[in-house]
Amino acid sequence: MFETDTQRGGQFKIHWEDFYLDFSKNHLSSETCELLSQLAQECELPTAIKQYFEGQRINVTENRAVLHTALRADKSKSVLFDNENVVPEVHNVLEKIDQFCLSVISGDAKGATGKTFTDVVNIGIGGSDLGPVMVTEALEHYRNHLGLHFISNVDGDHVQEILKKVNPETTLFVVVSKSFTTQETLANATTAKKWLTDVLGEKAVAAHFVAVSTNLSMINTFGIDPDNVFPMNDWVGGRFSLWSAVGLTIALGIGPKNFRSLLEGAQKMDDHFAQTPLSENIPVVLALITIWYNNFYGAESEAIIPYTQYLHRLPAYLQQGIMESNGKSIDRNGKPVDYQTGNLIWGEPGTNAQHAFFQLIHQGTKTIPAHFIGFKKSLFGNDDHHQKLMANFFAQTEALMQGKSETAVRQEGVNENLVPFKVFEGNNPTTTLLIDKLNPESLGKLIAMYEHKIFVEGIVWNIYSYDQWGVELGKQLANTILEELQNNSKGQHDSSTNGLLRHFNAG
């Protein structure tokens, strides 16, 4: 395609604000793009986008709206849910977050012994952990003096490793659980509470614990001050909740001003997605490219490769967002689908990834579309390092596309026996996103871009993206087995599980 059209790179691109999206290194013609846009139109995507932003209950199986976009809406906007504008309440919570964070960061807020806080421990799981972890590590450059720590896994060894790093007198715990009944989160919070009270007494809980939840009775029982409870909304799914009070730890770590910039970036991407024609709409184009490879090329995975160490948790964050949302085999009519939905998301930062799994992409047998995400400027201004990094960034997409022919290999004087091993077929698809600089606003745009991509894919695949029933079965069985372990009783299981339980109980 590049040989027959030397201007191809200038045709298949979108330049919006500080985002430059080049999708020319894909198996796409103008006709393909037009047909994919027609597919989106036939699936009534524009109508669906309107319903999405208007607060309609598009999460049908749970009878809930999907309104994480309202969490970053401008104060002047009106977003109706059940005929009530939710934006004023969103901003009330944001102002409470601002005030609380400023008091902790400035040192005005103090622990039970009168000392200022030096560390924050976030206790949550899933979206209550992955979002805050990813964002605070992505924005490490903008962090203040507070040490941030995250406990998610119910693994007691992990909890103890975190607790041994902090001082009970100067540690603030943020417990994030909408129901305040999530097994992992409640177990970890209870362990942390005992660790604290063993040193400072029961009364210290009110000074050292805050909650992001809606279960006020459980919070009161736990000992958390009602004034230190930050509410969550039923119309926000966990994997899209970092914009809400779930982002409290983010705001503590980077400051409320930077947290607001993160929201503003997401809001700009919301406007772009809601108002831009499909063919120039970044989330729409990305989603249609994914559908093209998933459903027409049989590509089962998509690699996310950020060329910055700051975004090393982005692939893991997107694994949850994408695979939990669109890993569905039942369509909106309750019937099994007869086509592929969802895809496997994986990746690591470049150039680490080049020395790990790029061999599979370059010379393997699988078609693996890849997203390359890079930045024009480094944050510390080390041009020598950044030029080396970005030279790899540009070279890899070119190499994946061009490959290396037998003729080129022979011209290098390679031993004839080795020629087949050094040939690269090329024609491996990549999409390149070049952003001016990594900052709170651009990160907000990036995350929102992928959120909207998920939405578009769900519409075209005719599935419900916002429930997560697949998470529940394992939880139910775990509760049954836990009871058996605690009571030293035997349950009815398959022979494999029974054998494993016997071996575990044998010590």
Protein backbone atom coordinates (compact mmCIF):
# COMPACT_ATOMS: atom_id res chain seq x y z
CA MET A 1 0.00 0.00 0.00
CA PHE A 2 2.84 2.39 0.81
CA GLU A 3 4.61 1.43 -2.44
CA THR A 4 1.55 2.33 -4.51
CA ASP A 5 0.64 5.44 -2.47
CA THR A 6 3.60 7.47 -1.25
CA GLN A 7 1.23 9.90 0.53
CA ARG A 8 -0.58 7.19 2.48
CA GLY A 9 0.85 8.36 5.82
CA GLY A 10 -0.84 11.73 5.41
CA GLN A 11 -4.22 10.25 4.56
CA PHE A 12 -4.80 7.80 7.41
CA LYS A 13 -4.25 10.07 10.39
CA ILE A 14 -6.16 12.26 12.82
CA HIS A 15 -4.55 15.29 14.47
CA TRP A 16 -6.63 16.54 17.40
CA GLU A 17 -5.26 18.95 19.99
CA ASP A 18 -2.04 17.35 21.33
CA PHE A 19 -2.88 13.88 19.93
CA TYR A 20 -1.50 12.71 16.58
CA LEU A 21 -2.98 9.34 15.58
CA ASP A 22 -1.36 7.56 12.63
CA PHE A 23 -3.27 4.46 11.56
CA SER A 24 -1.74 4.20 8.08
CA LYS A 25 0.33 1.10 8.98
CA ASN A 26 -2.82 -1.04 9.01
CA HIS A 27 -4.44 -3.27 6.41
CA LEU A 28 -6.93 -0.54 5.57
CA SER A 29 -7.96 1.12 2.33
CA SER A 30 -10.25 4.12 1.99
CA GLU A 31 -12.99 1.71 0.97
CA THR A 32 -12.43 -0.40 4.10
CA CYS A 33 -12.69 2.67 6.31
CA GLU A 34 -15.87 3.76 4.57
CA LEU A 35 -17.44 0.30 4.93
CA LEU A 36 -16.50 0.14 8.63
CA SER A 37 -18.12 3.56 9.15
CA GLN A 38 -21.23 2.28 7.39
CA LEU A 39 -21.23 -0.71 9.73
CA ALA A 40 -21.14 1.65 12.73
CA GLN A 41 -23.99 3.68 11.24
CA GLU A 42 -26.03 0.53 10.60
CA CYS A 43 -25.50 -0.43 14.26
CA GLU A 44 -26.94 3.01 15.14
CA LEU A 45 -23.77 4.13 16.89
CA PRO A 46 -24.63 7.88 16.80
CA THR A 47 -27.92 7.18 18.60
CA ALA A 48 -26.15 4.96 21.10
CA ILE A 49 -23.59 7.69 21.84
CA LYS A 50 -26.42 10.12 22.52
CA GLN A 51 -28.07 7.65 24.94
CA TYR A 52 -24.72 7.05 26.63
CA PHE A 53 -24.19 10.72 27.45
CA GLU A 54 -27.82 11.40 28.31
CA GLY A 55 -27.87 8.98 31.22
CA GLN A 56 -30.21 6.37 29.77
CA ARG A 57 -30.03 2.95 31.43
CA ILE A 58 -27.85 1.37 28.77
CA ASN A 59 -26.53 -1.19 31.29
CA VAL A 60 -29.76 -3.07 30.74
CA THR A 61 -28.98 -6.31 32.59
CA GLU A 62 -28.33 -4.34 35.80
CA ASN A 63 -30.87 -1.59 35.02
CA ARG A 64 -28.22 1.08 35.49
CA ALA A 65 -27.03 4.11 33.58
CA VAL A 66 -23.39 4.39 32.53
CA LEU A 67 -22.43 7.90 33.52
CA HIS A 68 -18.73 8.03 34.33
CA THR A 69 -18.65 10.87 31.79
CA ALA A 70 -20.77 12.95 34.21
CA LEU A 71 -17.96 12.74 36.78
CA ARG A 72 -15.80 15.00 34.62
CA ALA A 73 -18.55 17.21 33.23
CA ASP A 74 -18.09 20.95 33.50
CA LYS A 75 -19.99 22.61 36.33
CA SER A 76 -22.18 24.45 33.82
CA LYS A 77 -23.35 21.23 32.15
CA SER A 78 -26.59 19.43 32.88
CA VAL A 79 -26.59 15.62 32.87
CA LEU A 80 -29.96 14.14 33.76
CA PHE A 81 -30.48 10.82 35.49
CA ASP A 82 -34.07 10.02 36.39
CA ASN A 83 -34.89 13.66 35.54
CA GLU A 84 -32.38 15.02 38.05
CA ASN A 85 -29.20 16.90 37.12
CA VAL A 86 -26.35 14.92 38.74
CA VAL A 87 -23.60 17.46 37.97
CA PRO A 88 -24.09 19.67 41.08
CA GLU A 89 -23.68 16.65 43.40
CA VAL A 90 -20.61 15.52 41.44
CA HIS A 91 -19.00 18.89 42.04
CA ASN A 92 -20.01 18.88 45.71
CA VAL A 93 -18.04 15.65 46.11
CA LEU A 94 -15.11 17.12 44.15
CA GLU A 95 -15.03 20.13 46.46
CA LYS A 96 -15.04 17.83 49.50
CA ILE A 97 -12.13 15.92 47.94
CA ASP A 98 -10.29 19.20 47.32
CA GLN A 99 -10.68 20.36 50.93
CA PHE A 100 -9.73 17.02 52.45
CA CYS A 101 -6.66 16.58 50.25
CA LEU A 102 -5.41 20.10 50.90
CA SER A 103 -5.72 19.57 54.65
CA VAL A 104 -3.72 16.31 54.49
CA ILE A 105 -1.07 17.65 52.09
CA SER A 106 -0.59 20.88 54.05
CA GLY A 107 -0.31 19.01 57.35
CA ASP A 108 -3.41 20.59 58.90
CA ALA A 109 -5.00 17.13 59.18
CA LYS A 110 -3.27 15.05 61.82
CA GLY A 111 -3.32 11.52 63.16
CA ALA A 112 -4.38 10.40 66.62
CA THR A 113 -1.06 11.42 68.22
CA GLY A 114 -0.96 14.86 66.61
CA LYS A 115 1.54 13.99 63.88
CA THR A 116 1.04 14.92 60.24
CA PHE A 117 0.48 12.20 57.68
CA THR A 118 3.44 11.00 55.64
CA ASP A 119 1.90 7.96 53.94
CA VAL A 120 -1.41 6.94 52.37
CA VAL A 121 -2.47 3.30 52.00
CA ASN A 122 -5.25 2.65 49.47
CA ILE A 123 -7.23 -0.54 50.20
CA GLY A 124 -9.43 -1.69 47.34
CA ILE A 125 -9.54 -4.19 44.49
CA GLY A 126 -10.40 -4.16 40.79
CA GLY A 127 -11.31 -0.67 39.66
CA SER A 128 -10.82 0.59 43.21
CA ASP A 129 -7.15 -0.33 42.90
CA LEU A 130 -6.07 -0.57 39.26
CA GLY A 131 -7.17 2.95 38.32
CA PRO A 132 -5.53 4.76 41.25
CA VAL A 133 -2.35 2.65 40.93
CA MET A 134 -2.02 3.24 37.19
CA VAL A 135 -2.69 6.98 37.37
CA THR A 136 -0.45 7.74 40.36
CA GLU A 137 2.42 5.81 38.79
CA ALA A 138 1.80 7.45 35.41
CA LEU A 139 1.92 10.87 37.08
CA GLU A 140 4.85 10.14 39.40
CA HIS A 141 6.54 13.27 38.03
CA TYR A 142 3.72 15.38 39.49
CA ARG A 143 3.63 13.68 42.90
CA ASN A 144 3.96 15.50 46.23
CA HIS A 145 5.69 14.35 49.42
CA LEU A 146 3.10 11.77 50.48
CA GLY A 147 4.12 8.14 50.11
CA LEU A 148 1.46 6.10 48.35
CA HIS A 149 0.92 2.39 48.91
CA PHE A 150 -1.73 0.02 47.54
CA ILE A 151 -3.22 -3.12 49.04
CA SER A 152 -5.55 -5.13 46.82
CA ASN A 153 -4.74 -8.84 46.89
CA VAL A 154 -6.20 -10.74 49.84
CA ASP A 155 -2.76 -12.36 50.16
CA GLY A 156 -1.79 -11.68 53.79
CA ASP A 157 1.90 -11.63 52.92
CA HIS A 158 1.31 -8.69 50.60
CA VAL A 159 -0.59 -6.81 53.33
CA GLN A 160 2.22 -7.32 55.84
CA GLU A 161 4.87 -6.23 53.34
CA ILE A 162 3.02 -2.91 52.93
CA LEU A 163 2.39 -2.41 56.64
CA LYS A 164 6.03 -2.92 57.56
CA LYS A 165 6.94 0.07 55.37
CA VAL A 166 4.73 2.58 57.21
CA ASN A 167 4.34 4.13 60.66
CA PRO A 168 0.93 3.81 62.36
CA GLU A 169 1.18 7.35 63.76
CA THR A 170 1.59 8.94 60.32
CA THR A 171 -0.41 6.65 58.02
CA LEU A 172 -3.80 7.42 56.49
CA PHE A 173 -5.88 4.50 55.16
CA VAL A 174 -8.35 4.97 52.30
CA VAL A 175 -10.78 2.04 52.14
CA VAL A 176 -12.54 1.88 48.77
CA SER A 177 -15.58 -0.38 48.47
CA LYS A 178 -19.03 0.69 47.34
CA SER A 179 -20.72 -2.03 49.41
CA PHE A 180 -18.07 -2.20 52.14
CA THR A 181 -18.56 -5.95 51.96
CA THR A 182 -16.06 -6.94 49.24
CA GLN A 183 -14.25 -9.92 50.77
CA GLU A 184 -10.70 -8.93 49.82
CA THR A 185 -11.09 -5.27 50.75
CA LEU A 186 -12.84 -5.90 54.06
CA ALA A 187 -10.30 -8.55 55.07
CA ASN A 188 -7.39 -6.24 54.27
CA ALA A 189 -9.02 -3.25 55.99
CA THR A 190 -9.69 -5.33 59.11
CA THR A 191 -6.06 -6.45 59.24
CA ALA A 192 -4.86 -2.87 58.82
CA LYS A 193 -7.25 -1.71 61.54
CA LYS A 194 -5.92 -4.30 64.01
CA TRP A 195 -2.35 -3.31 63.15
CA LEU A 196 -3.22 0.32 63.92
CA THR A 197 -5.27 -0.23 67.06
CA ASP A 198 -2.72 -2.60 68.56
CA VAL A 199 -0.44 0.44 68.77
CA LEU A 200 -2.77 3.44 69.04
CA GLY A 201 -6.06 2.06 70.39
CA GLU A 202 -9.58 1.86 68.97
CA LYS A 203 -10.19 5.61 69.03
CA ALA A 204 -7.41 6.11 66.47
CA VAL A 205 -9.52 4.55 63.71
CA ALA A 206 -11.57 7.72 63.18
CA ALA A 207 -8.41 9.79 62.66
CA HIS A 208 -6.59 7.32 60.40
CA PHE A 209 -9.30 5.76 58.22
CA VAL A 210 -11.50 7.30 55.53
CA ALA A 211 -13.91 5.44 53.27
CA VAL A 212 -15.18 5.67 49.71
CA SER A 213 -18.47 3.81 49.98
CA THR A 214 -22.24 3.98 50.28
CA ASN A 215 -22.72 1.54 53.17
CA LEU A 216 -22.94 3.94 56.11
CA SER A 217 -24.00 1.33 58.67
CA MET A 218 -20.97 -0.89 57.97
CA ILE A 219 -18.71 2.16 58.01
CA ASN A 220 -20.03 3.22 61.41
CA THR A 221 -19.50 -0.28 62.76
CA PHE A 222 -15.93 -0.21 61.47
CA GLY A 223 -15.32 3.06 63.34
CA ILE A 224 -14.86 5.52 60.48
CA ASP A 225 -16.01 9.09 61.06
CA PRO A 226 -19.12 9.78 58.90
CA ASP A 227 -17.55 13.12 57.93
CA ASN A 228 -14.73 11.16 56.33
CA VAL A 229 -16.95 9.16 54.00
CA PHE A 230 -16.89 9.99 50.29
CA PRO A 231 -19.93 8.73 48.36
CA MET A 232 -20.05 6.68 45.17
CA ASN A 233 -22.84 6.54 42.60
CA ASP A 234 -24.68 3.46 41.42
CA TRP A 235 -24.38 4.65 37.81
CA VAL A 236 -20.58 4.30 37.79
CA GLY A 237 -19.02 0.90 37.14
CA GLY A 238 -15.93 0.01 39.15
CA ARG A 239 -13.59 -0.16 36.18
CA PHE A 240 -14.57 3.38 35.17
CA SER A 241 -14.59 4.88 38.65
CA LEU A 242 -11.21 6.57 39.05
CA TRP A 243 -12.87 9.87 38.11
CA SER A 244 -15.13 9.63 41.17
CA ALA A 245 -14.28 9.63 44.89
CA VAL A 246 -12.40 6.40 44.08
CA GLY A 247 -9.76 8.84 42.82
CA LEU A 248 -9.27 10.22 46.33
CA THR A 249 -5.84 8.60 46.62
CA ILE A 250 -4.92 10.05 43.22
CA ALA A 251 -5.87 13.53 44.43
CA LEU A 252 -3.90 13.00 47.64
CA GLY A 253 -0.82 11.95 45.69
CA ILE A 254 -0.77 14.53 42.88
CA GLY A 255 -2.83 17.26 44.53
CA PRO A 256 -6.41 18.30 43.77
CA LYS A 257 -5.37 20.79 41.07
CA ASN A 258 -3.70 18.06 39.02
CA PHE A 259 -6.63 15.74 39.68
CA ARG A 260 -8.93 18.38 38.22
CA SER A 261 -6.66 18.60 35.15
CA LEU A 262 -6.99 14.84 34.73
CA LEU A 263 -10.78 15.24 34.72
CA GLU A 264 -10.58 18.16 32.29
CA GLY A 265 -8.57 16.07 29.84
CA ALA A 266 -11.16 13.30 29.97
CA GLN A 267 -13.93 15.84 29.49
CA LYS A 268 -12.23 17.15 26.32
CA MET A 269 -12.08 13.61 24.93
CA ASP A 270 -15.76 13.20 25.85
CA ASP A 271 -16.61 16.26 23.75
CA HIS A 272 -14.49 15.00 20.86
CA PHE A 273 -16.21 11.61 20.97
CA ALA A 274 -19.72 13.05 21.28
CA GLN A 275 -19.39 15.73 18.59
CA THR A 276 -16.96 14.50 15.91
CA PRO A 277 -18.03 12.68 12.72
CA LEU A 278 -17.28 8.96 12.85
CA SER A 279 -14.49 9.03 10.25
CA GLU A 280 -12.53 11.66 12.24
CA ASN A 281 -13.43 10.37 15.69
CA ILE A 282 -10.40 8.86 17.46
CA PRO A 283 -12.20 6.33 19.72
CA VAL A 284 -14.48 5.28 16.85
CA VAL A 285 -11.61 4.75 14.42
CA LEU A 286 -9.63 2.75 16.98
CA ALA A 287 -12.64 0.58 17.80
CA LEU A 288 -13.40 -0.13 14.14
CA ILE A 289 -9.76 -1.10 13.53
CA THR A 290 -9.98 -3.56 16.43
CA ILE A 291 -13.21 -5.01 14.99
CA TRP A 292 -11.58 -5.26 11.56
CA TYR A 293 -8.75 -7.43 12.87
CA ASN A 294 -10.79 -9.34 15.45
CA ASN A 295 -13.65 -10.31 13.16
CA PHE A 296 -12.12 -10.32 9.68
CA TYR A 297 -8.50 -11.33 10.33
CA GLY A 298 -9.07 -13.64 13.29
CA ALA A 299 -6.66 -11.68 15.48
CA GLU A 300 -7.39 -12.62 19.08
CA SER A 301 -5.14 -10.17 20.90
CA GLU A 302 -4.03 -6.56 20.86
CA ALA A 303 -0.73 -5.33 22.30
CA ILE A 304 -0.53 -1.98 24.11
CA ILE A 305 3.05 -0.72 24.10
CA PRO A 306 3.67 2.66 25.79
CA TYR A 307 7.13 4.10 25.20
CA THR A 308 7.41 5.56 28.67
CA GLN A 309 8.10 3.75 31.92
CA TYR A 310 5.48 5.95 33.59
CA LEU A 311 2.71 4.04 31.79
CA HIS A 312 3.96 0.59 32.72
CA ARG A 313 0.62 -0.21 34.44
CA LEU A 314 -1.53 0.97 31.52
CA PRO A 315 -1.77 -2.47 29.82
CA ALA A 316 -2.92 -4.07 33.10
CA TYR A 317 -5.44 -1.29 33.65
CA LEU A 318 -6.80 -1.72 30.11
CA GLN A 319 -6.93 -5.49 30.54
CA GLN A 320 -9.62 -4.98 33.15
CA GLY A 321 -11.44 -2.22 31.29
CA ILE A 322 -11.54 -4.01 27.94
CA MET A 323 -11.64 -7.70 28.85
CA GLU A 324 -14.14 -7.34 31.68
CA SER A 325 -16.39 -5.15 29.54
CA ASN A 326 -16.40 -6.94 26.20
CA GLY A 327 -15.61 -10.51 27.20
CA LYS A 328 -19.18 -11.57 26.47
CA SER A 329 -20.69 -14.43 24.45
CA ILE A 330 -24.37 -13.49 24.76
CA ASP A 331 -25.84 -10.73 22.61
CA ARG A 332 -28.39 -8.13 23.64
CA ASN A 333 -31.23 -10.45 22.73
CA GLY A 334 -29.98 -13.08 25.17
CA LYS A 335 -28.71 -15.35 22.37
CA PRO A 336 -25.20 -16.83 21.96
CA VAL A 337 -23.13 -14.93 19.43
CA ASP A 338 -21.67 -16.75 16.42
CA TYR A 339 -18.74 -14.34 16.03
CA GLN A 340 -15.76 -13.26 18.10
CA THR A 341 -16.18 -10.51 20.69
CA GLY A 342 -13.61 -9.00 22.99
CA ASN A 343 -9.89 -9.55 22.61
CA LEU A 344 -6.86 -10.29 24.74
CA ILE A 345 -5.04 -7.19 25.94
CA TRP A 346 -1.39 -7.36 26.91
CA GLY A 347 1.79 -5.34 26.76
CA GLU A 348 4.80 -3.80 28.46
CA PRO A 349 6.66 -0.53 28.06
CA GLY A 350 9.11 -0.13 25.19
CA THR A 351 12.01 -0.71 24.95
CA ASN A 352 11.66 -3.49 27.54
CA ALA A 353 9.03 -5.11 25.33
CA GLN A 354 11.43 -5.22 22.39
CA HIS A 355 13.72 -7.51 24.39
CA ALA A 356 10.82 -9.68 25.56
CA PHE A 357 7.93 -10.49 23.22
CA PHE A 358 8.64 -8.57 20.02
CA GLN A 359 10.13 -11.74 18.52
CA LEU A 360 6.62 -13.19 18.42
CA ILE A 361 5.19 -10.10 16.70
CA HIS A 362 8.00 -9.85 14.14
CA GLN A 363 8.43 -13.51 13.15
CA GLY A 364 5.66 -15.48 14.87
CA THR A 365 2.62 -17.08 13.27
CA LYS A 366 -0.01 -14.85 14.85
CA THR A 367 -1.46 -11.55 13.67
CA ILE A 368 -1.04 -9.17 16.61
CA PRO A 369 -2.18 -5.59 16.02
CA ALA A 370 -0.27 -3.27 18.33
CA HIS A 371 -0.82 0.22 19.72
CA PHE A 372 2.36 2.26 20.08
CA ILE A 373 1.98 5.23 22.46
CA GLY A 374 4.77 7.79 22.64
CA PHE A 375 5.44 11.38 23.71
CA LYS A 376 7.25 14.18 21.90
CA LYS A 377 8.85 15.52 25.07
CA SER A 378 10.44 13.84 28.08
CA LEU A 379 9.54 15.17 31.50
CA PHE A 380 13.11 15.67 32.73
CA GLY A 381 14.35 17.03 29.41
CA ASN A 382 17.09 14.43 28.85
CA ASP A 383 17.20 14.67 25.06
CA ASP A 384 19.89 12.02 24.62
CA HIS A 385 17.83 9.33 26.34
CA HIS A 386 14.57 10.49 24.79
CA GLN A 387 15.94 10.46 21.25
CA LYS A 388 17.21 6.91 21.74
CA LEU A 389 13.82 5.88 23.12
CA MET A 390 11.86 7.50 20.32
CA ALA A 391 14.22 6.20 17.63
CA ASN A 392 13.14 2.74 18.74
CA PHE A 393 9.50 3.85 18.86
CA PHE A 394 9.52 4.95 15.21
CA ALA A 395 11.81 2.17 13.98
CA GLN A 396 9.73 -0.69 15.38
CA THR A 397 6.51 0.27 13.59
CA GLU A 398 8.46 0.77 10.35
CA ALA A 399 10.22 -2.60 10.77
CA LEU A 400 6.98 -4.40 11.56
CA MET A 401 5.43 -2.96 8.41
CA GLN A 402 8.37 -3.30 6.01
CA GLY A 403 10.00 -6.51 7.20
CA LYS A 404 13.13 -7.76 5.46
CA SER A 405 13.11 -9.80 2.24
CA GLU A 406 15.33 -12.75 1.28
CA THR A 407 17.07 -10.50 -1.22
CA ALA A 408 17.88 -7.92 1.45
CA VAL A 409 19.18 -10.63 3.78
CA ARG A 410 21.44 -12.08 1.07
CA GLN A 411 22.78 -8.63 0.27
CA GLU A 412 24.03 -8.46 3.84
CA GLY A 413 26.28 -11.43 3.10
CA VAL A 414 24.45 -13.82 5.42
CA ASN A 415 25.34 -17.51 5.22
CA GLU A 416 22.79 -19.19 2.92
CA ASN A 417 21.78 -21.65 5.64
CA LEU A 418 20.72 -18.74 7.85
CA VAL A 419 18.77 -16.79 5.24
CA PRO A 420 15.32 -18.25 6.10
CA PHE A 421 15.85 -17.47 9.79
CA LYS A 422 16.65 -13.81 9.14
CA VAL A 423 13.75 -13.05 6.82
CA PHE A 424 10.95 -10.85 8.22
CA GLU A 425 7.66 -11.06 6.34
CA GLY A 426 6.54 -7.63 7.47
CA ASN A 427 2.99 -6.37 6.94
CA ASN A 428 2.41 -6.52 10.71
CA PRO A 429 -0.19 -3.89 11.65
CA THR A 430 0.46 -1.07 14.11
CA THR A 431 -1.35 2.07 15.17
CA THR A 432 0.76 4.94 16.47
CA LEU A 433 -0.40 7.60 18.92
CA LEU A 434 2.07 10.44 19.41
CA ILE A 435 1.18 12.86 22.23
CA ASP A 436 2.98 16.12 22.99
CA LYS A 437 3.70 15.47 26.68
CA LEU A 438 2.60 13.21 29.51
CA ASN A 439 0.72 15.36 32.01
CA PRO A 440 -2.57 15.03 33.93
CA GLU A 441 -4.65 16.45 31.09
CA SER A 442 -3.17 14.27 28.34
CA LEU A 443 -3.46 11.19 30.56
CA GLY A 444 -7.14 12.01 31.14
CA LYS A 445 -7.66 12.17 27.38
CA LEU A 446 -5.85 8.87 26.86
CA ILE A 447 -7.87 6.95 29.45
CA ALA A 448 -11.18 8.38 28.21
CA MET A 449 -10.18 7.50 24.64
CA TYR A 450 -9.95 3.84 25.56
CA GLU A 451 -13.19 4.01 27.59
CA HIS A 452 -15.07 5.22 24.52
CA LYS A 453 -13.33 2.66 22.31
CA ILE A 454 -14.77 -0.04 24.61
CA PHE A 455 -18.24 1.47 24.21
CA VAL A 456 -18.09 1.52 20.40
CA GLU A 457 -16.94 -2.11 20.24
CA GLY A 458 -19.82 -3.19 22.46
CA ILE A 459 -22.35 -1.44 20.22
CA VAL A 460 -21.02 -3.00 17.02
CA TRP A 461 -20.74 -6.47 18.63
CA ASN A 462 -24.29 -6.04 19.99
CA ILE A 463 -23.32 -6.97 23.54
CA TYR A 464 -23.80 -5.32 26.93
CA SER A 465 -20.40 -3.96 27.91
CA TYR A 466 -21.16 -2.75 31.42
CA ASP A 467 -22.20 -5.77 33.45
CA GLN A 468 -19.65 -8.26 34.78
CA TRP A 469 -21.51 -11.41 35.74
CA GLY A 470 -18.45 -13.47 34.91
CA VAL A 471 -16.73 -12.12 38.01
CA GLU A 472 -19.36 -13.51 40.37
CA LEU A 473 -19.21 -17.30 39.97
CA GLY A 474 -15.68 -17.70 41.29
CA LYS A 475 -16.52 -15.47 44.27
CA GLN A 476 -19.51 -17.64 45.17
CA LEU A 477 -17.50 -20.86 45.03
CA ALA A 478 -14.66 -19.25 47.00
CA ASN A 479 -17.06 -18.42 49.84
CA THR A 480 -18.24 -22.03 49.91
CA ILE A 481 -14.71 -23.42 50.01
CA LEU A 482 -13.62 -20.84 52.60
CA GLU A 483 -16.36 -22.04 54.94
CA GLU A 484 -15.18 -25.62 54.43
CA LEU A 485 -11.56 -24.67 55.16
CA GLN A 486 -12.51 -22.76 58.31
CA ASN A 487 -14.74 -25.58 59.61
CA ASN A 488 -12.42 -28.38 58.46
CA SER A 489 -15.36 -29.91 56.58
CA LYS A 490 -15.65 -31.61 53.21
CA GLY A 491 -17.85 -30.37 50.40
CA GLN A 492 -19.02 -31.81 47.11
CA HIS A 493 -16.44 -30.98 44.44
CA ASP A 494 -14.93 -32.56 41.37
CA SER A 495 -12.08 -35.04 41.82
CA SER A 496 -9.43 -32.47 40.86
CA THR A 497 -10.61 -29.88 43.41
CA ASN A 498 -11.04 -32.56 46.08
CA GLY A 499 -7.49 -33.78 45.51
CA LEU A 500 -6.07 -30.26 45.71
CA LEU A 501 -7.99 -29.55 48.93
CA ARG A 502 -6.74 -32.78 50.52
CA HIS A 503 -3.15 -31.88 49.63
CA PHE A 504 -3.61 -28.33 51.00
CA ASN A 505 -5.13 -29.55 54.27
CA ALA A 506 -2.39 -32.15 54.71
CA GLY A 507 0.03 -29.31 55.40
